[in-house]
Amino acid sequence: MFAYQIPSAGAHAELVQLATPEPGPGQVKVDVKACGLNFADLLMQKGTYQDTPAAPFTLGMEVSGVISALGDSVSGVAIGDRVAVFTGQGGLAEQGVFDVERVIQIPDSMSYEHAAAMLIAYGTSHIALDYRARLKRGETLLVTGAAGGVGLTAVEIGKLMGATVIAHARGADKLAVAKAAGADHLIDDSEDLRERVKALGGSDVVYDAVGGDAWKAAFRSCKPEARLLPIGFASGEVPQIPANHLLVKNLDVIGFYIGGYMKFRPEVLRDSFSTLIQWYEQGKLKPHVSHVLPLDRAQEGLELLRSRKSTGKVVITP
């Protein structure tokens, strides 16, 4: 089979041919139909992601496909089941072997492309806003990077949870995508984010996928007792938080990393994914996939993320 792999530490990813894997105890083999790309894949290429595996490893953190083989001691799924998998790695390949506890069955109404776009982006936003930040109906949510893979889902889920959503993104085209997802107010990256948000009354919850100057402006424009979620650092600058300002405005800065829950509270992920699939079947969620590319163009897809030229998700179809 073909896979898009990091062959050694510090090396560039490349398309390689590998032996077809077979599942061990507690594992399933999945014929991969689609793999969603994430900003974390870019960080893994550089070796700067907090959960970068030891090389060699195959990129791709979330997939959808069909179970084609079962390992020993596997129950609850069967060969032929349509599934999505929160893989962590190994998704950019024609086939993959994954622990059954990472597998979620998907309905016939959900396309493989949408399934590969659901788990990380929607799971991140749902758990961050609902479980961690306790977003309430009627509150104001500010989303930076609002047309990106996770930002766009935060707009959609925030609106679904009853918040007034302020979307911050670069350019009219990206803001139009955020508006279509439900944003109530739009702020272009060229505008003064702090002053615009303050003019709208400030924010109760900040969902920041950008870091850098966007974080600084969002931090200074939020209301007293606001909750701030540093979700990602697409700008390349990790925020430094002035603790004295936390005291003055009684702010909460809330850490969140979706991969951590697989290790210490996997039920949080499963409950969230179950809710998201129900919302999808009810027509409440509409994943936005801007690009679908074949496996031999995976690097092109990653470059779309790096240059911030995509909106929503980029999906690779082996």
C-alpha atoms as a PDB file:
ATOM      1  CA  MET A   1       0.000   0.000   0.000  1.00  0.00           C
ATOM      2  CA  PHE A   2       0.978   3.648  -0.354  1.00  0.00           C
ATOM      3  CA  ALA A   3       1.378   5.973   2.633  1.00  0.00           C
ATOM      4  CA  TYR A   4       2.565   9.539   3.184  1.00  0.00           C
ATOM      5  CA  GLN A   5       5.300   9.087   5.757  1.00  0.00           C
ATOM      6  CA  ILE A   6       8.013  10.904   7.702  1.00  0.00           C
ATOM      7  CA  PRO A   7      10.916   8.451   7.146  1.00  0.00           C
ATOM      8  CA  SER A   8      13.278   9.833   9.803  1.00  0.00           C
ATOM      9  CA  ALA A   9      13.506  12.684  12.294  1.00  0.00           C
ATOM     10  CA  GLY A  10      13.854  16.018  10.499  1.00  0.00           C
ATOM     11  CA  ALA A  11      13.195  14.513   7.046  1.00  0.00           C
ATOM     12  CA  HIS A  12      10.515  15.709   4.628  1.00  0.00           C
ATOM     13  CA  ALA A  13       7.385  13.605   4.286  1.00  0.00           C
ATOM     14  CA  GLU A  14       7.247  11.427   1.182  1.00  0.00           C
ATOM     15  CA  LEU A  15       4.948   8.973  -0.534  1.00  0.00           C
ATOM     16  CA  VAL A  16       6.271   5.473   0.157  1.00  0.00           C
ATOM     17  CA  GLN A  17       5.123   1.907  -0.425  1.00  0.00           C
ATOM     18  CA  LEU A  18       4.684  -0.211   2.718  1.00  0.00           C
ATOM     19  CA  ALA A  19       3.548  -3.704   3.533  1.00  0.00           C
ATOM     20  CA  THR A  20      -0.190  -3.970   4.124  1.00  0.00           C
ATOM     21  CA  PRO A  21      -0.749  -3.923   7.917  1.00  0.00           C
ATOM     22  CA  GLU A  22      -2.676  -6.570   9.842  1.00  0.00           C
ATOM     23  CA  PRO A  23      -4.574  -5.870  13.071  1.00  0.00           C
ATOM     24  CA  GLY A  24      -3.379  -7.136  16.408  1.00  0.00           C
ATOM     25  CA  PRO A  25      -5.479  -7.810  19.533  1.00  0.00           C
ATOM     26  CA  GLY A  26      -7.995  -5.039  20.151  1.00  0.00           C
ATOM     27  CA  GLN A  27      -7.391  -3.509  16.721  1.00  0.00           C
ATOM     28  CA  VAL A  28      -9.228  -3.182  13.404  1.00  0.00           C
ATOM     29  CA  LYS A  29      -7.948  -2.692   9.875  1.00  0.00           C
ATOM     30  CA  VAL A  30      -9.631   0.109   7.940  1.00  0.00           C
ATOM     31  CA  ASP A  31      -9.646   0.670   4.197  1.00  0.00           C
ATOM     32  CA  VAL A  32      -9.217   4.446   4.246  1.00  0.00           C
ATOM     33  CA  LYS A  33     -11.682   6.412   2.121  1.00  0.00           C
ATOM     34  CA  ALA A  34     -10.814   9.917   3.379  1.00  0.00           C
ATOM     35  CA  CYS A  35      -8.331  11.593   5.733  1.00  0.00           C
ATOM     36  CA  GLY A  36      -8.794  15.077   7.179  1.00  0.00           C
ATOM     37  CA  LEU A  37      -5.720  17.299   7.382  1.00  0.00           C
ATOM     38  CA  ASN A  38      -4.978  19.349  10.492  1.00  0.00           C
ATOM     39  CA  PHE A  39      -2.536  22.090  11.429  1.00  0.00           C
ATOM     40  CA  ALA A  40      -0.970  19.583  13.809  1.00  0.00           C
ATOM     41  CA  ASP A  41       0.181  17.567  10.774  1.00  0.00           C
ATOM     42  CA  LEU A  42       2.321  20.555   9.793  1.00  0.00           C
ATOM     43  CA  LEU A  43       3.813  20.725  13.273  1.00  0.00           C
ATOM     44  CA  MET A  44       4.550  16.992  13.204  1.00  0.00           C
ATOM     45  CA  GLN A  45       6.488  17.482   9.976  1.00  0.00           C
ATOM     46  CA  LYS A  46       8.689  19.976  11.819  1.00  0.00           C
ATOM     47  CA  GLY A  47       8.857  17.855  14.982  1.00  0.00           C
ATOM     48  CA  THR A  48       7.344  20.649  17.087  1.00  0.00           C
ATOM     49  CA  TYR A  49       3.962  19.099  17.923  1.00  0.00           C
ATOM     50  CA  GLN A  50       3.517  18.092  21.559  1.00  0.00           C
ATOM     51  CA  ASP A  51       2.577  14.541  20.512  1.00  0.00           C
ATOM     52  CA  THR A  52       4.941  13.972  17.573  1.00  0.00           C
ATOM     53  CA  PRO A  53       5.553  10.198  17.225  1.00  0.00           C
ATOM     54  CA  ALA A  54       9.016   8.730  16.799  1.00  0.00           C
ATOM     55  CA  ALA A  55       9.969   8.373  13.125  1.00  0.00           C
ATOM     56  CA  PRO A  56       9.228   6.637  10.882  1.00  0.00           C
ATOM     57  CA  PHE A  57       5.508   7.401  11.066  1.00  0.00           C
ATOM     58  CA  THR A  58       2.623   8.146   8.726  1.00  0.00           C
ATOM     59  CA  LEU A  59       0.862  11.498   8.959  1.00  0.00           C
ATOM     60  CA  GLY A  60      -2.927  11.821   9.222  1.00  0.00           C
ATOM     61  CA  MET A  61      -4.826  12.247  12.492  1.00  0.00           C
ATOM     62  CA  GLU A  62      -8.419  11.428  11.490  1.00  0.00           C
ATOM     63  CA  VAL A  63      -9.872   9.128   8.860  1.00  0.00           C
ATOM     64  CA  SER A  64     -13.058   7.553   7.622  1.00  0.00           C
ATOM     65  CA  GLY A  65     -13.427   4.269   5.826  1.00  0.00           C
ATOM     66  CA  VAL A  66     -14.614   0.674   5.976  1.00  0.00           C
ATOM     67  CA  ILE A  67     -13.478  -2.020   8.422  1.00  0.00           C
ATOM     68  CA  SER A  68     -11.836  -4.812   6.427  1.00  0.00           C
ATOM     69  CA  ALA A  69     -10.370  -7.028   9.186  1.00  0.00           C
ATOM     70  CA  LEU A  70     -10.673  -7.572  12.941  1.00  0.00           C
ATOM     71  CA  GLY A  71      -7.990  -8.467  15.445  1.00  0.00           C
ATOM     72  CA  ASP A  72      -8.539 -10.782  18.399  1.00  0.00           C
ATOM     73  CA  SER A  73     -10.753  -9.629  21.294  1.00  0.00           C
ATOM     74  CA  VAL A  74     -12.602  -7.056  19.180  1.00  0.00           C
ATOM     75  CA  SER A  75     -16.336  -6.584  19.773  1.00  0.00           C
ATOM     76  CA  GLY A  76     -18.976  -4.008  18.936  1.00  0.00           C
ATOM     77  CA  VAL A  77     -17.936  -3.584  15.283  1.00  0.00           C
ATOM     78  CA  ALA A  78     -17.932  -5.834  12.237  1.00  0.00           C
ATOM     79  CA  ILE A  79     -16.233  -6.170   8.868  1.00  0.00           C
ATOM     80  CA  GLY A  80     -17.970  -3.839   6.430  1.00  0.00           C
ATOM     81  CA  ASP A  81     -18.906  -1.194   9.026  1.00  0.00           C
ATOM     82  CA  ARG A  82     -18.550   2.416   7.918  1.00  0.00           C
ATOM     83  CA  VAL A  83     -16.456   4.204  10.546  1.00  0.00           C
ATOM     84  CA  ALA A  84     -14.505   7.305  11.475  1.00  0.00           C
ATOM     85  CA  VAL A  85     -11.308   6.982  13.504  1.00  0.00           C
ATOM     86  CA  PHE A  86      -9.479   9.481  15.706  1.00  0.00           C
ATOM     87  CA  THR A  87      -6.130   7.992  14.743  1.00  0.00           C
ATOM     88  CA  GLY A  88      -3.521  10.456  16.033  1.00  0.00           C
ATOM     89  CA  GLN A  89      -1.284   9.245  13.193  1.00  0.00           C
ATOM     90  CA  GLY A  90      -1.393   6.791  10.290  1.00  0.00           C
ATOM     91  CA  GLY A  91      -4.329   8.226   8.358  1.00  0.00           C
ATOM     92  CA  LEU A  92      -2.592   9.313   5.139  1.00  0.00           C
ATOM     93  CA  ALA A  93      -2.454   5.795   3.755  1.00  0.00           C
ATOM     94  CA  GLU A  94      -4.553   3.406   1.742  1.00  0.00           C
ATOM     95  CA  GLN A  95      -5.111   1.231   4.821  1.00  0.00           C
ATOM     96  CA  GLY A  96      -4.493   1.579   8.527  1.00  0.00           C
ATOM     97  CA  VAL A  97      -4.607  -0.464  11.732  1.00  0.00           C
ATOM     98  CA  PHE A  98      -6.153   1.294  14.728  1.00  0.00           C
ATOM     99  CA  ASP A  99      -7.248   0.510  18.294  1.00  0.00           C
ATOM    100  CA  VAL A 100     -10.964  -0.280  18.315  1.00  0.00           C
ATOM    101  CA  GLU A 101     -11.530   2.208  21.160  1.00  0.00           C
ATOM    102  CA  ARG A 102     -10.709   4.991  18.671  1.00  0.00           C
ATOM    103  CA  VAL A 103     -13.388   3.864  16.215  1.00  0.00           C
ATOM    104  CA  ILE A 104     -16.784   5.569  15.826  1.00  0.00           C
ATOM    105  CA  GLN A 105     -19.489   4.087  13.594  1.00  0.00           C
ATOM    106  CA  ILE A 106     -20.967   6.614  11.169  1.00  0.00           C
ATOM    107  CA  PRO A 107     -24.454   6.717   9.609  1.00  0.00           C
ATOM    108  CA  ASP A 108     -25.121   6.009   5.943  1.00  0.00           C
ATOM    109  CA  SER A 109     -26.227   9.644   5.557  1.00  0.00           C
ATOM    110  CA  MET A 110     -22.705  10.902   6.314  1.00  0.00           C
ATOM    111  CA  SER A 111     -20.224  11.020   3.433  1.00  0.00           C
ATOM    112  CA  TYR A 112     -16.691   9.796   3.980  1.00  0.00           C
ATOM    113  CA  GLU A 113     -15.387  13.317   3.281  1.00  0.00           C
ATOM    114  CA  HIS A 114     -17.661  14.797   5.943  1.00  0.00           C
ATOM    115  CA  ALA A 115     -16.783  12.025   8.418  1.00  0.00           C
ATOM    116  CA  ALA A 116     -13.075  12.766   7.956  1.00  0.00           C
ATOM    117  CA  ALA A 117     -13.810  16.429   8.648  1.00  0.00           C
ATOM    118  CA  MET A 118     -15.806  15.865  11.833  1.00  0.00           C
ATOM    119  CA  LEU A 119     -13.804  14.355  14.648  1.00  0.00           C
ATOM    120  CA  ILE A 120     -10.963  16.763  15.409  1.00  0.00           C
ATOM    121  CA  ALA A 121     -12.334  20.099  14.206  1.00  0.00           C
ATOM    122  CA  TYR A 122     -15.882  19.664  15.507  1.00  0.00           C
ATOM    123  CA  GLY A 123     -14.775  17.657  18.536  1.00  0.00           C
ATOM    124  CA  THR A 124     -12.274  20.360  19.486  1.00  0.00           C
ATOM    125  CA  SER A 125     -14.852  23.127  19.260  1.00  0.00           C
ATOM    126  CA  HIS A 126     -17.678  21.245  20.949  1.00  0.00           C
ATOM    127  CA  ILE A 127     -15.647  20.026  23.929  1.00  0.00           C
ATOM    128  CA  ALA A 128     -13.801  23.346  24.260  1.00  0.00           C
ATOM    129  CA  LEU A 129     -16.939  25.502  24.197  1.00  0.00           C
ATOM    130  CA  ASP A 130     -19.349  23.221  26.050  1.00  0.00           C
ATOM    131  CA  TYR A 131     -17.302  21.098  28.460  1.00  0.00           C
ATOM    132  CA  ARG A 132     -14.367  23.439  29.134  1.00  0.00           C
ATOM    133  CA  ALA A 133     -15.569  27.046  28.654  1.00  0.00           C
ATOM    134  CA  ARG A 134     -19.211  26.453  29.663  1.00  0.00           C
ATOM    135  CA  LEU A 135     -20.548  28.729  26.922  1.00  0.00           C
ATOM    136  CA  LYS A 136     -24.088  29.826  27.773  1.00  0.00           C
ATOM    137  CA  ARG A 137     -26.989  30.865  25.578  1.00  0.00           C
ATOM    138  CA  GLY A 138     -26.994  34.646  25.116  1.00  0.00           C
ATOM    139  CA  GLU A 139     -23.244  35.071  25.702  1.00  0.00           C
ATOM    140  CA  THR A 140     -20.874  36.585  23.139  1.00  0.00           C
ATOM    141  CA  LEU A 141     -18.253  34.331  21.559  1.00  0.00           C
ATOM    142  CA  LEU A 142     -15.229  35.714  19.693  1.00  0.00           C
ATOM    143  CA  VAL A 143     -13.583  33.305  17.239  1.00  0.00           C
ATOM    144  CA  THR A 144     -10.247  34.193  15.643  1.00  0.00           C
ATOM    145  CA  GLY A 145      -9.174  32.359  12.503  1.00  0.00           C
ATOM    146  CA  ALA A 146     -12.895  31.890  12.002  1.00  0.00           C
ATOM    147  CA  ALA A 147     -12.709  30.418   8.486  1.00  0.00           C
ATOM    148  CA  GLY A 148     -10.061  27.795   9.317  1.00  0.00           C
ATOM    149  CA  GLY A 149     -10.479  24.119  10.095  1.00  0.00           C
ATOM    150  CA  VAL A 150     -11.358  24.504  13.776  1.00  0.00           C
ATOM    151  CA  GLY A 151     -12.418  28.157  13.768  1.00  0.00           C
ATOM    152  CA  LEU A 152     -15.275  27.594  11.360  1.00  0.00           C
ATOM    153  CA  THR A 153     -16.669  24.766  13.487  1.00  0.00           C
ATOM    154  CA  ALA A 154     -16.482  27.047  16.554  1.00  0.00           C
ATOM    155  CA  VAL A 155     -18.632  29.594  14.712  1.00  0.00           C
ATOM    156  CA  GLU A 156     -21.146  26.910  13.769  1.00  0.00           C
ATOM    157  CA  ILE A 157     -21.297  25.237  17.182  1.00  0.00           C
ATOM    158  CA  GLY A 158     -21.276  28.544  19.078  1.00  0.00           C
ATOM    159  CA  LYS A 159     -24.289  29.698  17.101  1.00  0.00           C
ATOM    160  CA  LEU A 160     -25.991  26.339  17.623  1.00  0.00           C
ATOM    161  CA  MET A 161     -25.440  26.740  21.391  1.00  0.00           C
ATOM    162  CA  GLY A 162     -27.217  30.108  21.330  1.00  0.00           C
ATOM    163  CA  ALA A 163     -24.271  32.521  21.469  1.00  0.00           C
ATOM    164  CA  THR A 164     -23.796  35.771  19.588  1.00  0.00           C
ATOM    165  CA  VAL A 165     -20.760  35.011  17.432  1.00  0.00           C
ATOM    166  CA  ILE A 166     -18.065  37.492  16.369  1.00  0.00           C
ATOM    167  CA  ALA A 167     -15.911  36.059  13.566  1.00  0.00           C
ATOM    168  CA  HIS A 168     -12.403  37.348  12.881  1.00  0.00           C
ATOM    169  CA  ALA A 169     -10.687  36.270   9.629  1.00  0.00           C
ATOM    170  CA  ARG A 170      -8.532  37.503   6.772  1.00  0.00           C
ATOM    171  CA  GLY A 171     -10.336  38.870   3.719  1.00  0.00           C
ATOM    172  CA  ALA A 172     -13.890  39.153   2.416  1.00  0.00           C
ATOM    173  CA  ASP A 173     -14.029  35.619   1.034  1.00  0.00           C
ATOM    174  CA  LYS A 174     -13.157  34.008   4.364  1.00  0.00           C
ATOM    175  CA  LEU A 175     -15.531  36.289   6.260  1.00  0.00           C
ATOM    176  CA  ALA A 176     -18.307  35.276   3.850  1.00  0.00           C
ATOM    177  CA  VAL A 177     -17.667  31.625   4.744  1.00  0.00           C
ATOM    178  CA  ALA A 178     -17.883  32.488   8.463  1.00  0.00           C
ATOM    179  CA  LYS A 179     -21.105  34.414   7.891  1.00  0.00           C
ATOM    180  CA  ALA A 180     -22.617  31.437   6.079  1.00  0.00           C
ATOM    181  CA  ALA A 181     -21.748  29.305   9.138  1.00  0.00           C
ATOM    182  CA  GLY A 182     -23.781  31.624  11.366  1.00  0.00           C
ATOM    183  CA  ALA A 183     -21.516  34.495  12.465  1.00  0.00           C
ATOM    184  CA  ASP A 184     -23.428  37.571  13.635  1.00  0.00           C
ATOM    185  CA  HIS A 185     -20.551  40.075  13.350  1.00  0.00           C
ATOM    186  CA  LEU A 186     -17.543  40.028  11.017  1.00  0.00           C
ATOM    187  CA  ILE A 187     -14.128  41.613  11.651  1.00  0.00           C
ATOM    188  CA  ASP A 188     -11.438  41.628   8.985  1.00  0.00           C
ATOM    189  CA  ASP A 189      -7.831  40.958   9.963  1.00  0.00           C
ATOM    190  CA  SER A 190      -6.940  44.441   8.681  1.00  0.00           C
ATOM    191  CA  GLU A 191      -9.220  46.111  11.265  1.00  0.00           C
ATOM    192  CA  ASP A 192      -8.477  46.965  14.892  1.00  0.00           C
ATOM    193  CA  LEU A 193      -9.766  43.804  16.557  1.00  0.00           C
ATOM    194  CA  ARG A 194      -9.650  45.191  20.080  1.00  0.00           C
ATOM    195  CA  GLU A 195     -11.644  48.317  19.281  1.00  0.00           C
ATOM    196  CA  ARG A 196     -14.204  46.506  17.131  1.00  0.00           C
ATOM    197  CA  VAL A 197     -14.905  43.893  19.810  1.00  0.00           C
ATOM    198  CA  LYS A 198     -15.120  46.523  22.538  1.00  0.00           C
ATOM    199  CA  ALA A 199     -17.585  48.495  20.399  1.00  0.00           C
ATOM    200  CA  LEU A 200     -19.730  45.348  20.267  1.00  0.00           C
ATOM    201  CA  GLY A 201     -19.692  45.118  24.078  1.00  0.00           C
ATOM    202  CA  GLY A 202     -16.778  42.720  24.537  1.00  0.00           C
ATOM    203  CA  SER A 203     -16.714  38.931  24.569  1.00  0.00           C
ATOM    204  CA  ASP A 204     -17.633  36.380  27.235  1.00  0.00           C
ATOM    205  CA  VAL A 205     -15.655  33.568  25.605  1.00  0.00           C
ATOM    206  CA  VAL A 206     -12.625  33.824  23.305  1.00  0.00           C
ATOM    207  CA  TYR A 207     -11.775  30.895  21.012  1.00  0.00           C
ATOM    208  CA  ASP A 208      -8.363  31.746  19.600  1.00  0.00           C
ATOM    209  CA  ALA A 209      -6.832  29.583  16.868  1.00  0.00           C
ATOM    210  CA  VAL A 210      -4.280  32.215  15.777  1.00  0.00           C
ATOM    211  CA  GLY A 211      -2.189  33.432  18.723  1.00  0.00           C
ATOM    212  CA  GLY A 212       0.163  36.393  18.291  1.00  0.00           C
ATOM    213  CA  ASP A 213      -1.416  39.816  17.844  1.00  0.00           C
ATOM    214  CA  ALA A 214      -4.925  38.361  17.528  1.00  0.00           C
ATOM    215  CA  TRP A 215      -4.639  36.836  21.015  1.00  0.00           C
ATOM    216  CA  LYS A 216      -3.324  40.088  22.500  1.00  0.00           C
ATOM    217  CA  ALA A 217      -6.201  42.103  21.044  1.00  0.00           C
ATOM    218  CA  ALA A 218      -8.809  39.512  22.040  1.00  0.00           C
ATOM    219  CA  PHE A 219      -7.386  39.320  25.565  1.00  0.00           C
ATOM    220  CA  ARG A 220      -7.687  43.086  26.012  1.00  0.00           C
ATOM    221  CA  SER A 221     -11.212  43.336  24.619  1.00  0.00           C
ATOM    222  CA  CYS A 222     -13.010  40.677  26.662  1.00  0.00           C
ATOM    223  CA  LYS A 223     -15.479  41.291  29.468  1.00  0.00           C
ATOM    224  CA  PRO A 224     -14.785  40.736  33.166  1.00  0.00           C
ATOM    225  CA  GLU A 225     -15.066  37.034  34.055  1.00  0.00           C
ATOM    226  CA  ALA A 226     -14.500  36.039  30.427  1.00  0.00           C
ATOM    227  CA  ARG A 227     -13.086  32.609  29.579  1.00  0.00           C
ATOM    228  CA  LEU A 228     -10.293  32.380  27.018  1.00  0.00           C
ATOM    229  CA  LEU A 229      -9.322  29.258  25.070  1.00  0.00           C
ATOM    230  CA  PRO A 230      -5.874  29.269  23.391  1.00  0.00           C
ATOM    231  CA  ILE A 231      -6.711  26.603  20.789  1.00  0.00           C
ATOM    232  CA  GLY A 232      -3.873  27.017  18.294  1.00  0.00           C
ATOM    233  CA  PHE A 233      -1.085  29.251  17.069  1.00  0.00           C
ATOM    234  CA  ALA A 234      -1.474  29.602  13.295  1.00  0.00           C
ATOM    235  CA  SER A 235       0.422  32.911  13.451  1.00  0.00           C
ATOM    236  CA  GLY A 236       3.482  31.057  14.729  1.00  0.00           C
ATOM    237  CA  GLU A 237       3.546  33.029  17.981  1.00  0.00           C
ATOM    238  CA  VAL A 238       2.512  31.300  21.212  1.00  0.00           C
ATOM    239  CA  PRO A 239       0.730  33.784  23.520  1.00  0.00           C
ATOM    240  CA  GLN A 240       2.353  34.958  26.729  1.00  0.00           C
ATOM    241  CA  ILE A 241      -0.291  35.676  29.352  1.00  0.00           C
ATOM    242  CA  PRO A 242       0.088  38.641  31.755  1.00  0.00           C
ATOM    243  CA  ALA A 243      -1.116  37.146  35.031  1.00  0.00           C
ATOM    244  CA  ASN A 244      -1.787  40.564  36.573  1.00  0.00           C
ATOM    245  CA  HIS A 245      -4.449  41.245  33.906  1.00  0.00           C
ATOM    246  CA  LEU A 246      -6.155  37.986  34.838  1.00  0.00           C
ATOM    247  CA  LEU A 247      -6.548  39.309  38.360  1.00  0.00           C
ATOM    248  CA  VAL A 248      -7.862  42.722  37.381  1.00  0.00           C
ATOM    249  CA  LYS A 249     -10.652  41.370  35.160  1.00  0.00           C
ATOM    250  CA  ASN A 250     -11.159  38.010  36.918  1.00  0.00           C
ATOM    251  CA  LEU A 251     -10.421  36.084  33.731  1.00  0.00           C
ATOM    252  CA  ASP A 252     -10.050  32.351  33.138  1.00  0.00           C
ATOM    253  CA  VAL A 253      -7.536  31.047  30.607  1.00  0.00           C
ATOM    254  CA  ILE A 254      -8.508  27.439  29.909  1.00  0.00           C
ATOM    255  CA  GLY A 255      -6.124  24.901  28.458  1.00  0.00           C
ATOM    256  CA  PHE A 256      -7.538  22.340  26.063  1.00  0.00           C
ATOM    257  CA  TYR A 257      -5.959  19.605  23.958  1.00  0.00           C
ATOM    258  CA  ILE A 258      -8.358  17.088  22.458  1.00  0.00           C
ATOM    259  CA  GLY A 259      -5.749  14.332  22.202  1.00  0.00           C
ATOM    260  CA  GLY A 260      -5.228  14.344  25.961  1.00  0.00           C
ATOM    261  CA  TYR A 261      -8.766  13.134  26.568  1.00  0.00           C
ATOM    262  CA  MET A 262      -8.089   9.907  24.668  1.00  0.00           C
ATOM    263  CA  LYS A 263      -5.529   9.120  27.362  1.00  0.00           C
ATOM    264  CA  PHE A 264      -7.291  10.110  30.590  1.00  0.00           C
ATOM    265  CA  ARG A 265     -11.018  10.618  29.867  1.00  0.00           C
ATOM    266  CA  PRO A 266     -11.992   8.979  26.566  1.00  0.00           C
ATOM    267  CA  GLU A 267     -15.667   9.076  27.521  1.00  0.00           C
ATOM    268  CA  VAL A 268     -15.597  12.858  27.029  1.00  0.00           C
ATOM    269  CA  LEU A 269     -14.625  12.292  23.394  1.00  0.00           C
ATOM    270  CA  ARG A 270     -17.182   9.564  22.828  1.00  0.00           C
ATOM    271  CA  ASP A 271     -20.010  11.641  24.334  1.00  0.00           C
ATOM    272  CA  SER A 272     -19.029  14.605  22.174  1.00  0.00           C
ATOM    273  CA  PHE A 273     -18.751  12.561  18.972  1.00  0.00           C
ATOM    274  CA  SER A 274     -22.147  10.981  19.657  1.00  0.00           C
ATOM    275  CA  THR A 275     -23.720  14.432  20.044  1.00  0.00           C
ATOM    276  CA  LEU A 276     -22.037  15.745  16.891  1.00  0.00           C
ATOM    277  CA  ILE A 277     -23.231  12.814  14.783  1.00  0.00           C
ATOM    278  CA  GLN A 278     -26.789  13.332  16.073  1.00  0.00           C
ATOM    279  CA  TRP A 279     -26.613  17.024  15.150  1.00  0.00           C
ATOM    280  CA  TYR A 280     -25.302  16.089  11.704  1.00  0.00           C
ATOM    281  CA  GLU A 281     -28.178  13.640  11.118  1.00  0.00           C
ATOM    282  CA  GLN A 282     -30.614  16.359  12.238  1.00  0.00           C
ATOM    283  CA  GLY A 283     -29.150  18.751   9.662  1.00  0.00           C
ATOM    284  CA  LYS A 284     -27.754  21.125  12.305  1.00  0.00           C
ATOM    285  CA  LEU A 285     -24.108  20.762  11.210  1.00  0.00           C
ATOM    286  CA  LYS A 286     -22.802  21.174   7.665  1.00  0.00           C
ATOM    287  CA  PRO A 287     -19.056  20.467   7.408  1.00  0.00           C
ATOM    288  CA  HIS A 288     -17.277  22.812   5.011  1.00  0.00           C
ATOM    289  CA  VAL A 289     -14.632  21.046   2.908  1.00  0.00           C
ATOM    290  CA  SER A 290     -12.841  23.476   0.600  1.00  0.00           C
ATOM    291  CA  HIS A 291     -10.454  20.997  -1.064  1.00  0.00           C
ATOM    292  CA  VAL A 292     -10.501  17.248  -1.773  1.00  0.00           C
ATOM    293  CA  LEU A 293      -7.194  15.889  -3.119  1.00  0.00           C
ATOM    294  CA  PRO A 294      -5.696  12.450  -3.866  1.00  0.00           C
ATOM    295  CA  LEU A 295      -2.962  10.930  -1.709  1.00  0.00           C
ATOM    296  CA  ASP A 296      -0.140  11.890  -4.094  1.00  0.00           C
ATOM    297  CA  ARG A 297      -1.100  15.567  -3.590  1.00  0.00           C
ATOM    298  CA  ALA A 298      -1.052  15.418   0.228  1.00  0.00           C
ATOM    299  CA  GLN A 299       1.794  17.923   0.450  1.00  0.00           C
ATOM    300  CA  GLU A 300      -0.212  20.358  -1.658  1.00  0.00           C
ATOM    301  CA  GLY A 301      -3.043  19.992   0.842  1.00  0.00           C
ATOM    302  CA  LEU A 302      -0.720  20.656   3.766  1.00  0.00           C
ATOM    303  CA  GLU A 303       0.629  23.728   1.989  1.00  0.00           C
ATOM    304  CA  LEU A 304      -2.943  25.052   1.704  1.00  0.00           C
ATOM    305  CA  LEU A 305      -3.115  24.886   5.506  1.00  0.00           C
ATOM    306  CA  ARG A 306       0.316  26.422   6.021  1.00  0.00           C
ATOM    307  CA  SER A 307      -0.415  29.375   3.709  1.00  0.00           C
ATOM    308  CA  ARG A 308      -3.948  29.753   5.149  1.00  0.00           C
ATOM    309  CA  LYS A 309      -5.445  29.529   1.647  1.00  0.00           C
ATOM    310  CA  SER A 310      -8.039  26.929   2.558  1.00  0.00           C
ATOM    311  CA  THR A 311     -11.349  27.373   4.372  1.00  0.00           C
ATOM    312  CA  GLY A 312     -12.839  24.730   6.622  1.00  0.00           C
ATOM    313  CA  LYS A 313     -11.190  21.363   5.978  1.00  0.00           C
ATOM    314  CA  VAL A 314      -8.810  19.927   3.420  1.00  0.00           C
ATOM    315  CA  VAL A 315      -9.482  16.221   2.856  1.00  0.00           C
ATOM    316  CA  ILE A 316      -7.255  13.617   1.201  1.00  0.00           C
ATOM    317  CA  THR A 317      -8.884  10.607  -0.476  1.00  0.00           C
ATOM    318  CA  PRO A 318      -6.545   7.600  -0.829  1.00  0.00           C
END
